[in-house]
Amino acid sequence: MRIDKYLKVIRVIKRRTVANEACDAGRIFVNGRVIKASYDVKEGDVIEINMGQKPLKIKVLNVVEYAKKEDAAQNYEVIE
């Protein structure tokens, strides 16, 4: 699954277009590298999002096509 869609599905970023723009601006890192919105997310990837005051670092636990609001947070683990 593309990273822009994944960030929307797990509800870390509310809209896919915002996630896509963040990737284009170089604000999203996977495993320490700047990536494009077309990057395929895999289990075990560490995603760092530099938007706002404090960067958010998460580890991918599951890659799912759809997640309910209650279950979205079970697909990733916040690091630091």
Protein backbone atom coordinates (compact mmCIF):
# COMPACT_ATOMS: atom_id res chain seq x y z
CA MET A 1 0.00 0.00 0.00
CA ARG A 2 1.22 3.51 -0.79
CA ILE A 3 2.42 5.49 2.20
CA ASP A 4 0.04 8.41 1.60
CA LYS A 5 -2.93 6.03 1.68
CA TYR A 6 -1.56 4.15 4.70
CA LEU A 7 -1.21 7.34 6.76
CA LYS A 8 -4.83 8.19 5.96
CA VAL A 9 -6.15 4.67 6.72
CA ILE A 10 -4.51 4.56 10.15
CA ARG A 11 -5.70 8.12 10.77
CA VAL A 12 -2.33 9.70 11.47
CA ILE A 13 -3.03 12.29 8.75
CA LYS A 14 -6.68 13.13 8.06
CA ARG A 15 -6.58 13.51 4.27
CA ARG A 16 -4.61 11.63 1.65
CA THR A 17 -3.85 14.84 -0.26
CA VAL A 18 -2.20 16.30 2.84
CA ALA A 19 -0.13 13.13 3.24
CA ASN A 20 0.84 13.32 -0.43
CA GLU A 21 1.90 16.97 -0.10
CA ALA A 22 3.93 16.15 3.03
CA CYS A 23 5.79 13.45 1.09
CA ASP A 24 6.48 15.87 -1.77
CA ALA A 25 7.80 18.46 0.71
CA GLY A 26 10.26 15.95 2.22
CA ARG A 27 8.58 15.78 5.63
CA ILE A 28 8.06 12.00 5.67
CA PHE A 29 10.99 9.64 6.32
CA VAL A 30 10.95 5.84 6.25
CA ASN A 31 13.86 4.05 7.92
CA GLY A 32 15.81 7.32 7.90
CA ARG A 33 15.34 8.14 4.20
CA VAL A 34 13.12 10.76 2.55
CA ILE A 35 10.54 8.97 0.42
CA LYS A 36 7.91 9.71 -2.22
CA ALA A 37 4.17 9.18 -1.80
CA SER A 38 4.34 6.04 -3.97
CA TYR A 39 6.55 4.18 -1.47
CA ASP A 40 5.09 0.76 -0.54
CA VAL A 41 4.75 0.42 3.23
CA LYS A 42 5.87 -2.87 4.76
CA GLU A 43 5.49 -4.29 8.26
CA GLY A 44 8.42 -3.25 10.43
CA ASP A 45 9.04 0.08 8.67
CA VAL A 46 9.76 3.06 10.93
CA ILE A 47 7.98 6.19 9.69
CA GLU A 48 8.96 9.66 10.91
CA ILE A 49 6.55 12.53 10.22
CA ASN A 50 7.91 16.07 10.63
CA MET A 51 4.76 18.18 10.68
CA GLY A 52 3.95 20.64 13.45
CA GLN A 53 6.01 21.26 16.56
CA LYS A 54 7.01 17.72 17.51
CA PRO A 55 8.02 15.00 15.04
CA LEU A 56 6.04 11.76 15.26
CA LYS A 57 7.85 8.43 14.92
CA ILE A 58 5.82 5.24 14.43
CA LYS A 59 6.55 1.60 13.67
CA VAL A 60 4.26 -0.21 11.23
CA LEU A 61 2.71 -3.32 12.80
CA ASN A 62 0.04 -4.16 10.18
CA VAL A 63 -0.77 -2.98 6.67
CA VAL A 64 -4.55 -3.03 6.14
CA GLU A 65 -6.77 -1.66 3.37
CA TYR A 66 -9.38 -0.34 5.80
CA ALA A 67 -9.45 0.24 9.55
CA LYS A 68 -12.32 1.32 11.76
CA LYS A 69 -11.76 4.35 13.95
CA GLU A 70 -11.45 2.20 17.07
CA ASP A 71 -8.97 -0.22 15.46
CA ALA A 72 -6.76 2.25 13.57
CA ALA A 73 -4.24 2.69 16.40
CA GLN A 74 -3.60 -1.06 16.59
CA ASN A 75 -1.82 -0.97 13.22
CA TYR A 76 1.13 1.07 14.46
CA GLU A 77 3.23 1.68 17.56
CA VAL A 78 4.43 5.13 18.61
CA ILE A 79 8.19 5.25 19.23
CA GLU A 80 9.72 7.84 21.62
